[in-house]
Amino acid sequence: MRYAYSARDRDGKLQRGTIDADNAQSAADGLIARRLSPVRIEVQPAQKAGKLSYQDAGRLLSELGRLSKAGIPLETAVRLSAEAHERKSVRSVLTAAASRLADGAGPGVAFSGLSGAAGQAVSAIMAAGERSGRLPEALAAASPLLLATAKFRERIVSLLLYPAIVSVTALAVLIVFLLVVIPALRPVLEGLGDDLPSSARGLLVVSDAAPVVLSGFLFAALAGILAAQSPAIRRSMARARDGFLLSPLGFGLAGTIETALFARLMGALVQAATPVGDAVAGAAEAVSNSVLRERLLGSASSIREGEAPEDALSASLGEQHLIVQACRLGQRGGGFADLIAEAGATLSERAESRLERMAALAGPLIILALGLLIGGLVITLFSSLTALPDAALA
């Protein structure tokens, strides 16, 4: 349990902070052991786990790696990084980690309160570096990979931004056409009576159904947002999404991106003298896809129990996966870590190339499909209007 305290030091200055203890008396004893005189001790309210982005995580590990190599204690390095960070949420996360380090917790435990894939990766990398005794090397090896992942995710957003804008714009035009234009022309179209083409009759039916369909979608979206407030439902929805992204219907892009990060980080940790099982576990924590992360963590457990890396990873990734092949070659011919890192680099190139092709095709295809749809509606409408003079003469 974490307690917030106020205490005076030997010079009489008031100090504030937090301390982990089983009860208030144990917290007081811990403060006295630090030569502090407790003034006030109370249970600290539970806080939501802090969340780091890949950018934050990469910068943090880079800073801590440099400061650790310079001989600065990790607690001091974390506090310096906290003071220098511009985001208040990240500062609070790092300050809490520094407090845990001051209380005697190890690096892995000190950062275990972080949420999200990047935060969990930081905790796992800290723990792996602590176990190997080469924490500065592990931090230095992992930081550029997390920064590269952040840049790659920014690139994904930028590539998908154009198709998203085109889709939203076309959808807005379609909604205005069905909800505003068609209802305004309804009296004129209905005035044609039996001369109204069947396609125009269908267009009126679609216009009538559009408000109901749109309301249904909005209601479903609202229900989904409300349901997602439940942690259990949110986890189920996230798992279903992650499973879909790994399936062929998800084009396999998510799996390629995630395994690329996993392989590069695993290789970097092995190069930093981290045991293979711990390296697999640490790299798996950086994977944001929950389904794939669980599979890889299972492989890490198998490796720790003595199973060969290529056999354990083949159960998660498949027998012919590039990472499995790299493991097999590395075990036979040496250069295990280098081959794994190279496999990750190759997967990153494949993912980026596939993403660029998809983004290049998505925009024109969306424009073509929606152009045909809206163009067909407009042609149907005006073909009906051309029948007005004949109807008037009749």
Protein backbone atom coordinates (compact mmCIF):
# COMPACT_ATOMS: atom_id res chain seq x y z
CA MET A 1 0.00 0.00 0.00
CA ARG A 2 1.27 3.48 -0.81
CA TYR A 3 1.20 6.24 1.81
CA ALA A 4 1.63 9.98 1.32
CA TYR A 5 3.67 11.60 4.08
CA SER A 6 4.93 14.89 5.43
CA ALA A 7 8.08 14.69 7.54
CA ARG A 8 10.88 16.92 8.82
CA ASP A 9 14.52 16.16 8.15
CA ARG A 10 17.44 16.70 10.54
CA ASP A 11 17.57 20.40 9.59
CA GLY A 12 13.88 20.85 10.33
CA LYS A 13 12.85 21.24 6.69
CA LEU A 14 9.50 19.79 5.71
CA GLN A 15 9.70 16.94 3.18
CA ARG A 16 6.77 15.46 1.28
CA GLY A 17 6.60 12.23 -0.70
CA THR A 18 5.22 8.72 -0.83
CA ILE A 19 6.33 5.41 0.64
CA ASP A 20 5.21 1.79 0.19
CA ALA A 21 4.38 -0.07 3.38
CA ASP A 22 2.01 -2.70 4.75
CA ASN A 23 0.44 -0.27 7.21
CA ALA A 24 0.83 3.25 8.64
CA GLN A 25 3.14 2.07 11.44
CA SER A 26 5.47 0.38 8.95
CA ALA A 27 5.46 3.58 6.88
CA ALA A 28 6.44 5.59 9.99
CA ASP A 29 9.23 3.13 10.78
CA GLY A 30 10.50 3.44 7.22
CA LEU A 31 10.62 7.24 7.50
CA ILE A 32 12.43 7.07 10.83
CA ALA A 33 14.97 4.72 9.21
CA ARG A 34 15.61 7.50 6.68
CA ARG A 35 16.19 9.91 9.59
CA LEU A 36 12.92 11.72 8.98
CA SER A 37 10.44 12.72 11.68
CA PRO A 38 6.89 11.90 10.50
CA VAL A 39 4.37 14.75 10.72
CA ARG A 40 1.48 13.29 8.74
CA ILE A 41 0.93 9.87 7.12
CA GLU A 42 -2.18 8.93 5.14
CA VAL A 43 -3.13 6.41 2.49
CA GLN A 44 -2.56 7.78 -0.98
CA PRO A 45 -5.71 7.55 -3.16
CA ALA A 46 -5.47 5.04 -5.98
CA GLN A 47 -4.48 6.70 -9.25
CA LYS A 48 -4.93 5.62 -12.79
CA ALA A 49 -1.79 4.00 -14.15
CA GLY A 50 0.32 6.45 -16.07
CA LYS A 51 0.58 5.95 -19.80
CA LEU A 52 3.58 6.66 -21.99
CA SER A 53 3.58 6.98 -25.75
CA TYR A 54 6.26 5.26 -27.81
CA GLN A 55 7.84 8.68 -28.29
CA ASP A 56 7.90 9.32 -24.53
CA ALA A 57 9.23 5.82 -23.83
CA GLY A 58 12.01 6.10 -26.40
CA ARG A 59 13.15 9.51 -25.17
CA LEU A 60 13.02 8.36 -21.55
CA LEU A 61 15.16 5.29 -22.17
CA SER A 62 17.63 7.34 -24.20
CA GLU A 63 17.99 9.92 -21.42
CA LEU A 64 18.27 7.30 -18.67
CA GLY A 65 20.80 5.33 -20.69
CA ARG A 66 23.05 8.37 -21.14
CA LEU A 67 22.76 9.45 -17.52
CA SER A 68 23.41 5.91 -16.24
CA LYS A 69 26.53 5.58 -18.38
CA ALA A 70 27.71 8.88 -16.90
CA GLY A 71 27.55 7.28 -13.45
CA ILE A 72 24.43 9.06 -12.21
CA PRO A 73 22.24 6.87 -9.94
CA LEU A 74 19.04 5.69 -11.63
CA GLU A 75 16.77 7.41 -9.09
CA THR A 76 18.48 10.75 -9.70
CA ALA A 77 18.38 10.19 -13.46
CA VAL A 78 14.64 9.50 -13.36
CA ARG A 79 13.99 12.64 -11.31
CA LEU A 80 16.06 14.73 -13.72
CA SER A 81 14.08 13.32 -16.66
CA ALA A 82 10.83 14.06 -14.83
CA GLU A 83 11.79 17.67 -14.20
CA ALA A 84 12.79 18.17 -17.83
CA HIS A 85 9.64 16.69 -19.38
CA GLU A 86 7.01 19.11 -20.67
CA ARG A 87 3.95 16.92 -20.06
CA LYS A 88 2.54 16.92 -16.54
CA SER A 89 1.15 13.37 -16.85
CA VAL A 90 4.58 12.00 -17.78
CA ARG A 91 6.25 13.98 -14.99
CA SER A 92 3.91 12.41 -12.43
CA VAL A 93 4.62 8.94 -13.82
CA LEU A 94 8.38 9.42 -13.56
CA THR A 95 8.18 11.02 -10.12
CA ALA A 96 6.24 8.01 -8.84
CA ALA A 97 8.85 5.67 -10.34
CA ALA A 98 11.65 7.65 -8.68
CA SER A 99 9.84 7.37 -5.34
CA ARG A 100 9.65 3.60 -5.72
CA LEU A 101 13.36 3.48 -6.50
CA ALA A 102 14.03 5.55 -3.37
CA ASP A 103 12.00 3.03 -1.36
CA GLY A 104 14.33 0.26 -2.54
CA ALA A 105 12.33 -1.18 -5.45
CA GLY A 106 14.18 -2.55 -8.46
CA PRO A 107 13.96 -0.80 -11.84
CA GLY A 108 11.41 -3.28 -13.22
CA VAL A 109 9.14 -2.94 -10.18
CA ALA A 110 9.56 0.83 -10.05
CA PHE A 111 8.13 1.22 -13.56
CA SER A 112 5.55 -1.57 -13.27
CA GLY A 113 2.69 0.90 -12.77
CA LEU A 114 2.82 2.09 -16.38
CA SER A 115 -0.03 1.21 -18.71
CA GLY A 116 -0.14 0.76 -22.45
CA ALA A 117 2.24 -1.22 -24.64
CA ALA A 118 5.02 1.38 -24.51
CA GLY A 119 4.85 1.68 -20.73
CA GLN A 120 4.85 -2.09 -20.26
CA ALA A 121 7.81 -2.30 -22.62
CA VAL A 122 9.73 0.18 -20.45
CA SER A 123 9.02 -1.92 -17.36
CA ALA A 124 10.06 -5.14 -19.12
CA ILE A 125 13.26 -3.58 -20.51
CA MET A 126 14.15 -2.24 -17.06
CA ALA A 127 13.60 -5.67 -15.53
CA ALA A 128 15.59 -7.41 -18.28
CA GLY A 129 18.48 -4.99 -17.90
CA GLU A 130 18.42 -5.41 -14.14
CA ARG A 131 18.58 -9.21 -14.40
CA SER A 132 21.42 -9.12 -16.92
CA GLY A 133 23.38 -6.53 -14.92
CA ARG A 134 23.73 -4.36 -18.03
CA LEU A 135 20.89 -1.90 -17.61
CA PRO A 136 22.58 1.06 -19.41
CA GLU A 137 23.29 -1.15 -22.44
CA ALA A 138 19.70 -2.44 -22.51
CA LEU A 139 18.31 1.10 -22.33
CA ALA A 140 20.63 2.34 -25.07
CA ALA A 141 19.73 -0.59 -27.32
CA ALA A 142 15.96 -0.30 -26.85
CA SER A 143 15.48 3.48 -27.04
CA PRO A 144 16.11 3.95 -30.80
CA LEU A 145 13.71 1.12 -31.60
CA LEU A 146 10.86 2.68 -29.59
CA LEU A 147 11.58 6.05 -31.22
CA ALA A 148 11.54 4.40 -34.66
CA THR A 149 8.20 2.78 -33.80
CA ALA A 150 6.79 6.18 -32.84
CA LYS A 151 7.90 7.65 -36.18
CA PHE A 152 6.47 4.70 -38.07
CA ARG A 153 3.10 5.11 -36.34
CA GLU A 154 3.10 8.80 -37.22
CA ARG A 155 3.76 7.81 -40.81
CA ILE A 156 0.81 5.41 -40.73
CA VAL A 157 -1.45 8.25 -39.60
CA SER A 158 -0.15 10.61 -42.29
CA LEU A 159 -0.58 7.99 -45.04
CA LEU A 160 -4.12 7.14 -43.98
CA LEU A 161 -5.16 10.75 -43.44
CA TYR A 162 -5.95 11.44 -47.12
CA PRO A 163 -8.20 8.38 -47.62
CA ALA A 164 -9.94 9.19 -44.34
CA ILE A 165 -10.65 12.80 -45.38
CA VAL A 166 -11.94 11.66 -48.78
CA SER A 167 -14.22 9.07 -47.15
CA VAL A 168 -15.65 11.49 -44.59
CA THR A 169 -16.23 14.18 -47.22
CA ALA A 170 -17.96 11.80 -49.62
CA LEU A 171 -20.09 10.37 -46.82
CA ALA A 172 -21.15 13.88 -45.76
CA VAL A 173 -22.14 14.68 -49.37
CA LEU A 174 -24.14 11.46 -49.59
CA ILE A 175 -25.97 12.18 -46.32
CA VAL A 176 -26.85 15.74 -47.43
CA PHE A 177 -28.06 14.40 -50.77
CA LEU A 178 -30.33 11.80 -49.18
CA LEU A 179 -31.59 13.89 -46.25
CA VAL A 180 -31.86 17.34 -47.86
CA VAL A 181 -31.85 17.29 -51.67
CA ILE A 182 -34.15 14.31 -52.27
CA PRO A 183 -36.79 15.38 -49.70
CA ALA A 184 -36.82 18.89 -51.24
CA LEU A 185 -37.54 17.40 -54.69
CA ARG A 186 -40.01 14.79 -53.43
CA PRO A 187 -43.18 16.81 -54.37
CA VAL A 188 -41.90 17.29 -57.91
CA LEU A 189 -40.96 13.63 -58.31
CA GLU A 190 -44.20 12.36 -56.84
CA GLY A 191 -46.05 14.66 -59.23
CA LEU A 192 -44.91 12.44 -62.11
CA GLY A 193 -47.23 9.70 -60.85
CA ASP A 194 -46.96 6.58 -63.01
CA ASP A 195 -44.36 8.28 -65.23
CA LEU A 196 -41.83 8.23 -62.37
CA PRO A 197 -39.02 5.79 -63.32
CA SER A 198 -38.53 2.78 -61.08
CA SER A 199 -34.98 3.90 -60.29
CA ALA A 200 -36.33 7.18 -58.94
CA ARG A 201 -38.91 5.29 -56.85
CA GLY A 202 -36.05 3.31 -55.35
CA LEU A 203 -34.19 6.54 -54.65
CA LEU A 204 -37.20 7.86 -52.71
CA VAL A 205 -37.34 4.63 -50.70
CA VAL A 206 -33.65 4.95 -49.87
CA SER A 207 -34.17 8.58 -48.85
CA ASP A 208 -37.04 7.54 -46.57
CA ALA A 209 -34.92 4.83 -44.97
CA ALA A 210 -31.82 7.00 -44.58
CA PRO A 211 -32.90 8.77 -41.34
CA VAL A 212 -33.77 5.44 -39.72
CA VAL A 213 -30.49 3.83 -40.80
CA LEU A 214 -28.44 6.85 -39.71
CA SER A 215 -30.21 6.96 -36.34
CA GLY A 216 -29.53 3.26 -35.92
CA PHE A 217 -25.82 3.75 -36.60
CA LEU A 218 -25.65 6.66 -34.16
CA PHE A 219 -27.50 4.66 -31.53
CA ALA A 220 -25.19 1.68 -32.04
CA ALA A 221 -22.13 3.94 -31.78
CA LEU A 222 -23.45 5.50 -28.58
CA ALA A 223 -24.25 2.08 -27.14
CA GLY A 224 -20.75 0.91 -28.02
CA ILE A 225 -19.20 3.94 -26.30
CA LEU A 226 -21.28 3.37 -23.17
CA ALA A 227 -20.55 -0.37 -23.16
CA ALA A 228 -16.83 0.34 -23.54
CA GLN A 229 -16.89 2.04 -20.13
CA SER A 230 -16.96 -1.44 -18.61
CA PRO A 231 -13.37 -2.75 -18.34
CA ALA A 232 -14.45 -6.31 -19.17
CA ILE A 233 -16.37 -5.26 -22.29
CA ARG A 234 -13.58 -2.93 -23.34
CA ARG A 235 -11.07 -5.77 -23.08
CA SER A 236 -13.35 -8.06 -25.08
CA MET A 237 -13.80 -5.44 -27.79
CA ALA A 238 -10.05 -4.79 -27.93
CA ARG A 239 -9.33 -8.50 -28.16
CA ALA A 240 -11.85 -8.93 -30.98
CA ARG A 241 -10.31 -5.99 -32.83
CA ASP A 242 -6.78 -7.31 -32.38
CA GLY A 243 -7.83 -10.77 -33.56
CA PHE A 244 -9.40 -9.26 -36.67
CA LEU A 245 -6.27 -7.23 -37.44
CA LEU A 246 -4.18 -10.40 -37.35
CA SER A 247 -6.56 -12.29 -39.64
CA PRO A 248 -6.37 -12.29 -43.46
CA LEU A 249 -9.30 -9.84 -43.48
CA GLY A 250 -7.01 -7.36 -41.74
CA PHE A 251 -4.48 -7.74 -44.62
CA GLY A 252 -1.84 -8.97 -42.13
CA LEU A 253 -0.41 -5.45 -41.87
CA ALA A 254 -0.80 -5.19 -38.10
CA GLY A 255 0.97 -8.50 -37.59
CA THR A 256 3.90 -7.42 -39.76
CA ILE A 257 4.28 -4.10 -37.96
CA GLU A 258 4.09 -5.67 -34.50
CA THR A 259 6.44 -8.56 -35.22
CA ALA A 260 8.95 -6.14 -36.75
CA LEU A 261 9.13 -4.18 -33.50
CA PHE A 262 9.25 -7.42 -31.50
CA ALA A 263 12.15 -8.84 -33.50
CA ARG A 264 14.25 -5.67 -33.44
CA LEU A 265 13.73 -5.18 -29.71
CA MET A 266 14.40 -8.85 -28.97
CA GLY A 267 17.64 -8.70 -30.93
CA ALA A 268 18.71 -5.52 -29.13
CA LEU A 269 18.06 -7.05 -25.70
CA VAL A 270 19.96 -10.22 -26.58
CA GLN A 271 22.87 -8.06 -27.76
CA ALA A 272 22.75 -6.37 -24.34
CA ALA A 273 23.41 -9.81 -22.74
CA THR A 274 19.79 -10.37 -21.71
CA PRO A 275 18.81 -14.08 -21.52
CA VAL A 276 16.75 -15.13 -24.54
CA GLY A 277 13.63 -15.92 -22.51
CA ASP A 278 13.74 -12.53 -20.80
CA ALA A 279 14.48 -10.80 -24.11
CA VAL A 280 11.42 -12.43 -25.73
CA ALA A 281 9.24 -11.43 -22.76
CA GLY A 282 10.55 -7.87 -22.76
CA ALA A 283 10.07 -7.47 -26.49
CA ALA A 284 6.60 -9.02 -26.29
CA GLU A 285 5.51 -6.35 -23.79
CA ALA A 286 6.15 -3.69 -26.46
CA VAL A 287 3.59 -5.32 -28.76
CA SER A 288 0.30 -3.41 -28.65
CA ASN A 289 -1.79 -6.20 -30.20
CA SER A 290 -3.10 -8.10 -27.16
CA VAL A 291 -3.64 -11.41 -29.00
CA LEU A 292 -0.12 -11.48 -30.43
CA ARG A 293 1.36 -10.30 -27.13
CA GLU A 294 -0.22 -13.21 -25.24
CA ARG A 295 1.12 -15.69 -27.77
CA LEU A 296 4.64 -14.28 -27.54
CA LEU A 297 4.57 -14.21 -23.74
CA GLY A 298 3.59 -17.87 -23.85
CA SER A 299 6.61 -18.53 -26.06
CA ALA A 300 8.81 -16.65 -23.57
CA SER A 301 7.59 -18.95 -20.77
CA SER A 302 8.38 -22.00 -22.88
CA ILE A 303 11.91 -20.72 -23.59
CA ARG A 304 12.51 -20.12 -19.89
CA GLU A 305 11.47 -23.71 -19.27
CA GLY A 306 14.15 -24.92 -21.66
CA GLU A 307 12.43 -25.12 -25.05
CA ALA A 308 14.44 -24.00 -28.08
CA PRO A 309 13.61 -20.42 -29.20
CA GLU A 310 12.71 -21.45 -32.76
CA ASP A 311 10.30 -24.13 -31.51
CA ALA A 312 8.66 -21.85 -28.95
CA LEU A 313 8.26 -18.95 -31.39
CA SER A 314 6.95 -21.19 -34.17
CA ALA A 315 3.94 -21.93 -31.95
CA SER A 316 3.19 -18.17 -31.86
CA LEU A 317 4.24 -17.00 -35.31
CA GLY A 318 4.16 -20.07 -37.53
CA GLU A 319 6.83 -22.46 -38.73
CA GLN A 320 7.76 -20.41 -41.82
CA HIS A 321 7.82 -16.97 -40.20
CA LEU A 322 10.95 -14.94 -40.89
CA ILE A 323 11.73 -14.57 -37.17
CA VAL A 324 11.54 -18.34 -36.66
CA GLN A 325 13.84 -18.89 -39.63
CA ALA A 326 16.29 -16.32 -38.24
CA CYS A 327 16.25 -18.10 -34.86
CA ARG A 328 16.95 -21.42 -36.53
CA LEU A 329 19.86 -20.02 -38.54
CA GLY A 330 21.24 -18.17 -35.54
CA GLN A 331 21.24 -21.29 -33.39
CA ARG A 332 23.08 -23.24 -36.06
CA GLY A 333 25.59 -20.73 -37.41
CA GLY A 334 25.95 -18.10 -34.69
CA GLY A 335 25.08 -14.41 -34.81
CA PHE A 336 21.71 -15.10 -33.18
CA ALA A 337 21.00 -11.53 -32.03
CA ASP A 338 22.16 -9.96 -35.30
CA LEU A 339 19.96 -12.26 -37.38
CA ILE A 340 16.91 -11.52 -35.23
CA ALA A 341 17.51 -7.77 -35.50
CA GLU A 342 17.98 -8.10 -39.27
CA ALA A 343 14.71 -10.02 -39.52
CA GLY A 344 13.01 -7.16 -37.69
CA ALA A 345 14.49 -4.60 -40.08
CA THR A 346 13.30 -6.65 -43.05
CA LEU A 347 9.79 -6.91 -41.60
CA SER A 348 9.76 -3.15 -41.01
CA GLU A 349 10.63 -2.53 -44.66
CA ARG A 350 7.91 -4.93 -45.79
CA ALA A 351 5.33 -3.29 -43.55
CA GLU A 352 6.21 0.21 -44.74
CA SER A 353 6.15 -0.85 -48.39
CA ARG A 354 2.80 -2.60 -48.00
CA LEU A 355 1.35 0.37 -46.15
CA GLU A 356 2.46 2.80 -48.84
CA ARG A 357 0.87 0.64 -51.55
CA MET A 358 -2.37 0.35 -49.60
CA ALA A 359 -2.51 4.09 -48.92
CA ALA A 360 -1.73 4.89 -52.57
CA LEU A 361 -4.56 2.63 -53.75
CA ALA A 362 -7.07 3.44 -51.03
CA GLY A 363 -7.64 7.07 -52.00
CA PRO A 364 -8.37 6.52 -55.71
CA LEU A 365 -10.47 3.41 -55.01
CA ILE A 366 -12.58 5.22 -52.45
CA ILE A 367 -13.04 8.18 -54.78
CA LEU A 368 -14.00 5.86 -57.64
CA ALA A 369 -16.49 3.84 -55.58
CA LEU A 370 -18.16 6.84 -53.99
CA GLY A 371 -18.06 8.75 -57.27
CA LEU A 372 -19.95 5.93 -59.00
CA LEU A 373 -22.46 5.80 -56.15
CA ILE A 374 -23.13 9.53 -55.95
CA GLY A 375 -22.94 9.90 -59.74
CA GLY A 376 -25.51 7.13 -60.13
CA LEU A 377 -27.84 8.88 -57.67
CA VAL A 378 -27.47 12.21 -59.49
CA ILE A 379 -28.07 10.63 -62.90
CA THR A 380 -31.17 8.87 -61.56
CA LEU A 381 -32.48 12.13 -60.15
CA PHE A 382 -31.98 14.19 -63.30
CA SER A 383 -33.31 11.46 -65.57
CA SER A 384 -36.51 11.67 -63.55
CA LEU A 385 -36.61 15.46 -63.84
CA THR A 386 -36.31 15.25 -67.62
CA ALA A 387 -39.61 13.42 -67.62
CA LEU A 388 -41.39 16.47 -66.21
CA PRO A 389 -42.20 18.16 -69.59
CA ASP A 390 -43.70 14.93 -70.96
CA ALA A 391 -45.79 14.52 -67.83
CA ALA A 392 -47.01 18.10 -68.10
CA LEU A 393 -48.03 17.63 -71.74
CA ALA A 394 -49.89 14.45 -70.85
